[in-house]
Amino acid sequence: MTGPWTGERSARGTGDGPIAAAFTAISDILDRQLEVLSLSLRSLTPGRDSVGQVFLQAKIDGKSLSGHGASTDIVEASARALVHALNKARHADRLESSELNSVYLWGV
C-alpha cells in the first residue's frame, strides 16, 4: 500500500475470508478503527473476466462513509472500495481541522 508516508507499507491480515483479511491489513497499516456495515458486489461486464464493482458502507473512527471500487478481482475491488472510504475520512478530517483553525474566539 502506498500513501502520504514515505515508501510502501505492507501487512498481513487474518479474517473470515480474503476480503476480511485484506480489510484487517489495511486497518493495521493506517491505524484507524473501522467497521464494515454493508458490502455489495455486482458484475459490470459479462463473461469470464468480468469486472466486479463493490459498494460498501463503513464506520471509520465513528464516521459513516461509503466507498466503491472495481476490478476483475473481487478482493482488490473490495480493498479499493475501502480505500475510497478511507480517503473520504481523511478529507473530512482535514476539513474539520481547517474549520476549527478558522474559528475566532472572542473574549473580554
N, C-alpha and C. Protein backbone atom coordinates (compact mmCIF):
# COMPACT_ATOMS: atom_id res chain seq x y z
N MET A 1 0.85 -1.16 0.00
CA MET A 1 0.00 0.00 0.00
C MET A 1 0.90 1.23 0.00
N THR A 2 0.54 2.22 -0.80
CA THR A 2 1.28 3.47 -0.80
C THR A 2 0.36 4.57 -0.29
N GLY A 3 0.97 5.62 0.25
CA GLY A 3 0.17 6.71 0.80
C GLY A 3 1.01 7.94 1.02
N PRO A 4 0.55 8.85 1.87
CA PRO A 4 1.25 10.11 2.10
C PRO A 4 2.56 9.93 2.87
N TRP A 5 2.79 8.76 3.43
CA TRP A 5 4.04 8.48 4.11
C TRP A 5 5.11 8.16 3.08
N THR A 6 6.36 8.01 3.52
CA THR A 6 7.44 7.69 2.59
C THR A 6 7.51 6.19 2.35
N GLY A 7 7.59 5.81 1.11
CA GLY A 7 7.73 4.40 0.76
C GLY A 7 6.43 3.61 0.84
N GLU A 8 6.58 2.32 0.68
CA GLU A 8 5.42 1.42 0.73
C GLU A 8 5.32 0.77 2.10
N ARG A 9 4.11 0.41 2.45
CA ARG A 9 3.87 -0.33 3.69
C ARG A 9 3.11 -1.59 3.33
N SER A 10 3.39 -2.64 4.05
CA SER A 10 2.64 -3.87 3.83
C SER A 10 2.32 -4.51 5.18
N ALA A 11 1.28 -5.31 5.18
CA ALA A 11 0.87 -6.01 6.39
C ALA A 11 0.12 -7.26 5.99
N ARG A 12 0.06 -8.19 6.90
CA ARG A 12 -0.74 -9.39 6.70
C ARG A 12 -1.94 -9.31 7.64
N GLY A 13 -3.06 -9.70 7.13
CA GLY A 13 -4.25 -9.68 7.95
C GLY A 13 -4.90 -11.05 7.98
N THR A 14 -5.65 -11.30 9.01
CA THR A 14 -6.42 -12.53 9.11
C THR A 14 -7.88 -12.15 9.21
N GLY A 15 -8.72 -13.05 8.80
CA GLY A 15 -10.14 -12.77 8.88
C GLY A 15 -10.93 -13.96 8.36
N ASP A 16 -12.20 -13.79 8.30
CA ASP A 16 -13.10 -14.84 7.84
C ASP A 16 -13.20 -14.76 6.32
N GLY A 17 -12.10 -15.01 5.63
CA GLY A 17 -12.05 -14.95 4.18
C GLY A 17 -11.05 -13.90 3.71
N PRO A 18 -10.75 -13.90 2.42
CA PRO A 18 -9.71 -13.00 1.90
C PRO A 18 -10.08 -11.52 1.96
N ILE A 19 -11.34 -11.18 1.83
CA ILE A 19 -11.74 -9.77 1.89
C ILE A 19 -11.58 -9.25 3.32
N ALA A 20 -12.03 -10.01 4.30
CA ALA A 20 -11.87 -9.61 5.70
C ALA A 20 -10.40 -9.50 6.07
N ALA A 21 -9.57 -10.40 5.55
CA ALA A 21 -8.13 -10.35 5.82
C ALA A 21 -7.51 -9.09 5.21
N ALA A 22 -7.93 -8.74 3.99
CA ALA A 22 -7.42 -7.52 3.35
C ALA A 22 -7.83 -6.29 4.15
N PHE A 23 -9.07 -6.26 4.63
CA PHE A 23 -9.55 -5.12 5.42
C PHE A 23 -8.77 -5.00 6.73
N THR A 24 -8.47 -6.13 7.37
CA THR A 24 -7.69 -6.11 8.61
C THR A 24 -6.30 -5.56 8.36
N ALA A 25 -5.67 -5.98 7.26
CA ALA A 25 -4.33 -5.50 6.93
C ALA A 25 -4.34 -3.99 6.67
N ILE A 26 -5.34 -3.51 5.94
CA ILE A 26 -5.44 -2.07 5.64
C ILE A 26 -5.65 -1.29 6.94
N SER A 27 -6.52 -1.78 7.80
CA SER A 27 -6.77 -1.13 9.09
C SER A 27 -5.50 -1.06 9.93
N ASP A 28 -4.71 -2.15 9.92
CA ASP A 28 -3.47 -2.18 10.69
C ASP A 28 -2.45 -1.18 10.14
N ILE A 29 -2.36 -1.08 8.82
CA ILE A 29 -1.40 -0.15 8.21
C ILE A 29 -1.75 1.29 8.58
N LEU A 30 -3.03 1.62 8.52
CA LEU A 30 -3.45 3.01 8.72
C LEU A 30 -3.76 3.34 10.17
N ASP A 31 -3.83 2.33 11.03
CA ASP A 31 -4.13 2.52 12.45
C ASP A 31 -5.40 3.33 12.65
N ARG A 32 -6.46 2.88 11.99
CA ARG A 32 -7.78 3.51 12.13
C ARG A 32 -8.78 2.46 12.54
N GLN A 33 -9.76 2.88 13.34
CA GLN A 33 -10.84 1.99 13.74
C GLN A 33 -11.86 1.93 12.62
N LEU A 34 -12.13 0.74 12.11
CA LEU A 34 -13.13 0.65 11.06
C LEU A 34 -14.01 -0.57 11.23
N GLU A 35 -15.24 -0.39 10.81
CA GLU A 35 -16.22 -1.47 10.84
C GLU A 35 -17.00 -1.39 9.54
N VAL A 36 -17.02 -2.47 8.79
CA VAL A 36 -17.79 -2.51 7.54
C VAL A 36 -19.24 -2.79 7.90
N LEU A 37 -20.11 -1.87 7.53
CA LEU A 37 -21.53 -2.00 7.85
C LEU A 37 -22.28 -2.78 6.77
N SER A 38 -21.91 -2.56 5.51
CA SER A 38 -22.52 -3.30 4.41
C SER A 38 -21.56 -3.34 3.23
N LEU A 39 -21.69 -4.38 2.43
CA LEU A 39 -20.85 -4.54 1.25
C LEU A 39 -21.70 -5.23 0.19
N SER A 40 -21.73 -4.67 -1.01
CA SER A 40 -22.45 -5.31 -2.10
C SER A 40 -21.56 -5.36 -3.33
N LEU A 41 -21.74 -6.39 -4.12
CA LEU A 41 -20.93 -6.64 -5.30
C LEU A 41 -21.85 -6.86 -6.48
N ARG A 42 -21.49 -6.27 -7.62
CA ARG A 42 -22.25 -6.55 -8.84
C ARG A 42 -21.28 -6.63 -10.01
N SER A 43 -21.69 -7.35 -11.01
CA SER A 43 -20.88 -7.52 -12.21
C SER A 43 -21.15 -6.36 -13.17
N LEU A 44 -20.08 -5.74 -13.67
CA LEU A 44 -20.23 -4.64 -14.62
C LEU A 44 -20.18 -5.13 -16.06
N THR A 45 -19.49 -6.24 -16.28
CA THR A 45 -19.34 -6.78 -17.63
C THR A 45 -19.62 -8.27 -17.60
N PRO A 46 -20.10 -8.82 -18.72
CA PRO A 46 -20.37 -10.26 -18.76
C PRO A 46 -19.10 -11.06 -19.04
N GLY A 47 -19.17 -12.33 -18.79
CA GLY A 47 -18.08 -13.21 -19.19
C GLY A 47 -17.15 -13.61 -18.07
N ARG A 48 -16.14 -14.36 -18.49
CA ARG A 48 -15.20 -14.95 -17.54
C ARG A 48 -14.34 -13.92 -16.84
N ASP A 49 -13.89 -12.90 -17.55
CA ASP A 49 -13.05 -11.84 -16.97
C ASP A 49 -13.88 -10.62 -16.60
N SER A 50 -15.02 -10.86 -16.01
CA SER A 50 -15.95 -9.80 -15.66
C SER A 50 -15.35 -8.84 -14.65
N VAL A 51 -15.68 -7.58 -14.80
CA VAL A 51 -15.27 -6.56 -13.83
C VAL A 51 -16.36 -6.48 -12.77
N GLY A 52 -15.94 -6.64 -11.53
CA GLY A 52 -16.87 -6.54 -10.42
C GLY A 52 -16.76 -5.17 -9.76
N GLN A 53 -17.90 -4.63 -9.38
CA GLN A 53 -17.92 -3.34 -8.68
C GLN A 53 -18.43 -3.57 -7.27
N VAL A 54 -17.71 -3.02 -6.30
CA VAL A 54 -18.06 -3.17 -4.89
C VAL A 54 -18.48 -1.82 -4.33
N PHE A 55 -19.59 -1.81 -3.63
CA PHE A 55 -20.04 -0.65 -2.87
C PHE A 55 -20.03 -1.06 -1.41
N LEU A 56 -19.50 -0.18 -0.56
CA LEU A 56 -19.53 -0.50 0.86
C LEU A 56 -19.85 0.72 1.68
N GLN A 57 -20.37 0.46 2.85
CA GLN A 57 -20.65 1.47 3.86
C GLN A 57 -19.82 1.06 5.07
N ALA A 58 -19.01 1.97 5.58
CA ALA A 58 -18.14 1.64 6.71
C ALA A 58 -18.19 2.74 7.75
N LYS A 59 -17.98 2.34 8.98
CA LYS A 59 -17.84 3.30 10.07
C LYS A 59 -16.34 3.42 10.33
N ILE A 60 -15.79 4.61 10.10
CA ILE A 60 -14.36 4.86 10.24
C ILE A 60 -14.17 5.91 11.32
N ASP A 61 -13.57 5.52 12.42
CA ASP A 61 -13.37 6.42 13.57
C ASP A 61 -14.67 7.13 13.94
N GLY A 62 -15.78 6.38 13.90
CA GLY A 62 -17.07 6.92 14.31
C GLY A 62 -17.86 7.60 13.21
N LYS A 63 -17.27 7.81 12.03
CA LYS A 63 -17.97 8.46 10.92
C LYS A 63 -18.45 7.40 9.94
N SER A 64 -19.68 7.53 9.48
CA SER A 64 -20.22 6.60 8.50
C SER A 64 -19.94 7.13 7.09
N LEU A 65 -19.18 6.36 6.31
CA LEU A 65 -18.78 6.78 4.97
C LEU A 65 -18.96 5.64 3.99
N SER A 66 -19.13 6.00 2.72
CA SER A 66 -19.27 4.99 1.67
C SER A 66 -18.06 5.01 0.76
N GLY A 67 -17.87 3.91 0.05
CA GLY A 67 -16.79 3.83 -0.92
C GLY A 67 -17.15 2.84 -2.01
N HIS A 68 -16.49 2.96 -3.13
CA HIS A 68 -16.70 1.99 -4.21
C HIS A 68 -15.39 1.71 -4.91
N GLY A 69 -15.30 0.54 -5.51
CA GLY A 69 -14.10 0.14 -6.23
C GLY A 69 -14.46 -0.90 -7.27
N ALA A 70 -13.62 -1.04 -8.28
CA ALA A 70 -13.89 -2.00 -9.35
C ALA A 70 -12.59 -2.69 -9.76
N SER A 71 -12.71 -3.96 -10.11
CA SER A 71 -11.57 -4.74 -10.57
C SER A 71 -12.09 -6.10 -11.04
N THR A 72 -11.26 -6.83 -11.78
CA THR A 72 -11.61 -8.20 -12.14
C THR A 72 -11.41 -9.13 -10.95
N ASP A 73 -10.74 -8.68 -9.92
CA ASP A 73 -10.51 -9.44 -8.69
C ASP A 73 -11.38 -8.82 -7.59
N ILE A 74 -12.30 -9.61 -7.01
CA ILE A 74 -13.23 -9.02 -6.04
C ILE A 74 -12.54 -8.60 -4.75
N VAL A 75 -11.43 -9.24 -4.40
CA VAL A 75 -10.69 -8.82 -3.21
C VAL A 75 -10.08 -7.44 -3.46
N GLU A 76 -9.49 -7.25 -4.65
CA GLU A 76 -8.92 -5.94 -4.99
C GLU A 76 -10.02 -4.89 -5.09
N ALA A 77 -11.15 -5.22 -5.70
CA ALA A 77 -12.26 -4.26 -5.80
C ALA A 77 -12.75 -3.86 -4.41
N SER A 78 -12.82 -4.82 -3.50
CA SER A 78 -13.24 -4.53 -2.13
C SER A 78 -12.23 -3.64 -1.42
N ALA A 79 -10.95 -3.93 -1.60
CA ALA A 79 -9.90 -3.11 -0.99
C ALA A 79 -9.95 -1.69 -1.54
N ARG A 80 -10.17 -1.57 -2.85
CA ARG A 80 -10.28 -0.23 -3.46
C ARG A 80 -11.47 0.53 -2.88
N ALA A 81 -12.58 -0.16 -2.65
CA ALA A 81 -13.76 0.48 -2.07
C ALA A 81 -13.46 0.98 -0.66
N LEU A 82 -12.76 0.16 0.13
CA LEU A 82 -12.41 0.58 1.49
C LEU A 82 -11.45 1.76 1.47
N VAL A 83 -10.46 1.72 0.59
CA VAL A 83 -9.51 2.83 0.50
C VAL A 83 -10.23 4.10 0.05
N HIS A 84 -11.23 3.97 -0.83
CA HIS A 84 -12.02 5.14 -1.24
C HIS A 84 -12.72 5.76 -0.03
N ALA A 85 -13.33 4.92 0.80
CA ALA A 85 -13.99 5.43 2.02
C ALA A 85 -12.97 6.03 2.98
N LEU A 86 -11.80 5.41 3.11
CA LEU A 86 -10.75 5.95 3.98
C LEU A 86 -10.24 7.29 3.48
N ASN A 87 -10.14 7.46 2.16
CA ASN A 87 -9.74 8.76 1.61
C ASN A 87 -10.77 9.83 1.94
N LYS A 88 -12.05 9.46 1.90
CA LYS A 88 -13.10 10.41 2.29
C LYS A 88 -12.96 10.79 3.76
N ALA A 89 -12.63 9.81 4.60
CA ALA A 89 -12.45 10.08 6.04
C ALA A 89 -11.28 11.03 6.25
N ARG A 90 -10.20 10.81 5.53
CA ARG A 90 -9.03 11.69 5.66
C ARG A 90 -9.37 13.12 5.22
N HIS A 91 -10.11 13.23 4.13
CA HIS A 91 -10.52 14.55 3.64
C HIS A 91 -11.43 15.23 4.67
N ALA A 92 -12.35 14.48 5.25
CA ALA A 92 -13.25 15.04 6.28
C ALA A 92 -12.45 15.50 7.49
N ASP A 93 -11.43 14.73 7.87
CA ASP A 93 -10.57 15.12 9.00
C ASP A 93 -9.89 16.45 8.72
N ARG A 94 -9.37 16.62 7.50
CA ARG A 94 -8.70 17.87 7.15
C ARG A 94 -9.67 19.04 7.13
N LEU A 95 -10.88 18.82 6.63
CA LEU A 95 -11.89 19.89 6.62
C LEU A 95 -12.25 20.30 8.04
N GLU A 96 -12.44 19.32 8.92
CA GLU A 96 -12.76 19.63 10.32
C GLU A 96 -11.63 20.40 10.97
N SER A 97 -10.42 20.00 10.71
CA SER A 97 -9.25 20.66 11.29
C SER A 97 -9.14 22.10 10.81
N SER A 98 -9.32 22.32 9.50
CA SER A 98 -9.21 23.69 8.99
C SER A 98 -10.36 24.55 9.47
N GLU A 99 -11.54 23.94 9.64
CA GLU A 99 -12.70 24.67 10.16
C GLU A 99 -12.43 25.12 11.60
N LEU A 100 -11.86 24.23 12.41
CA LEU A 100 -11.56 24.59 13.80
C LEU A 100 -10.48 25.67 13.87
N ASN A 101 -9.53 25.63 12.96
CA ASN A 101 -8.46 26.63 12.97
C ASN A 101 -8.94 28.00 12.52
N SER A 102 -10.07 28.05 11.79
CA SER A 102 -10.54 29.35 11.30
C SER A 102 -11.56 30.00 12.24
N VAL A 103 -11.88 29.35 13.34
CA VAL A 103 -12.85 29.90 14.29
C VAL A 103 -12.17 30.97 15.15
N TYR A 104 -12.81 32.11 15.26
CA TYR A 104 -12.30 33.17 16.13
C TYR A 104 -12.99 33.06 17.48
N LEU A 105 -12.20 33.06 18.51
CA LEU A 105 -12.76 33.05 19.86
C LEU A 105 -12.67 34.46 20.42
N TRP A 106 -13.82 35.03 20.69
CA TRP A 106 -13.88 36.40 21.19
C TRP A 106 -13.86 36.37 22.70
N GLY A 107 -13.11 37.24 23.27
CA GLY A 107 -13.03 37.30 24.72
C GLY A 107 -13.02 38.74 25.18
N VAL A 108 -13.02 38.92 26.46
CA VAL A 108 -13.02 40.26 27.03
C VAL A 108 -11.64 40.60 27.54
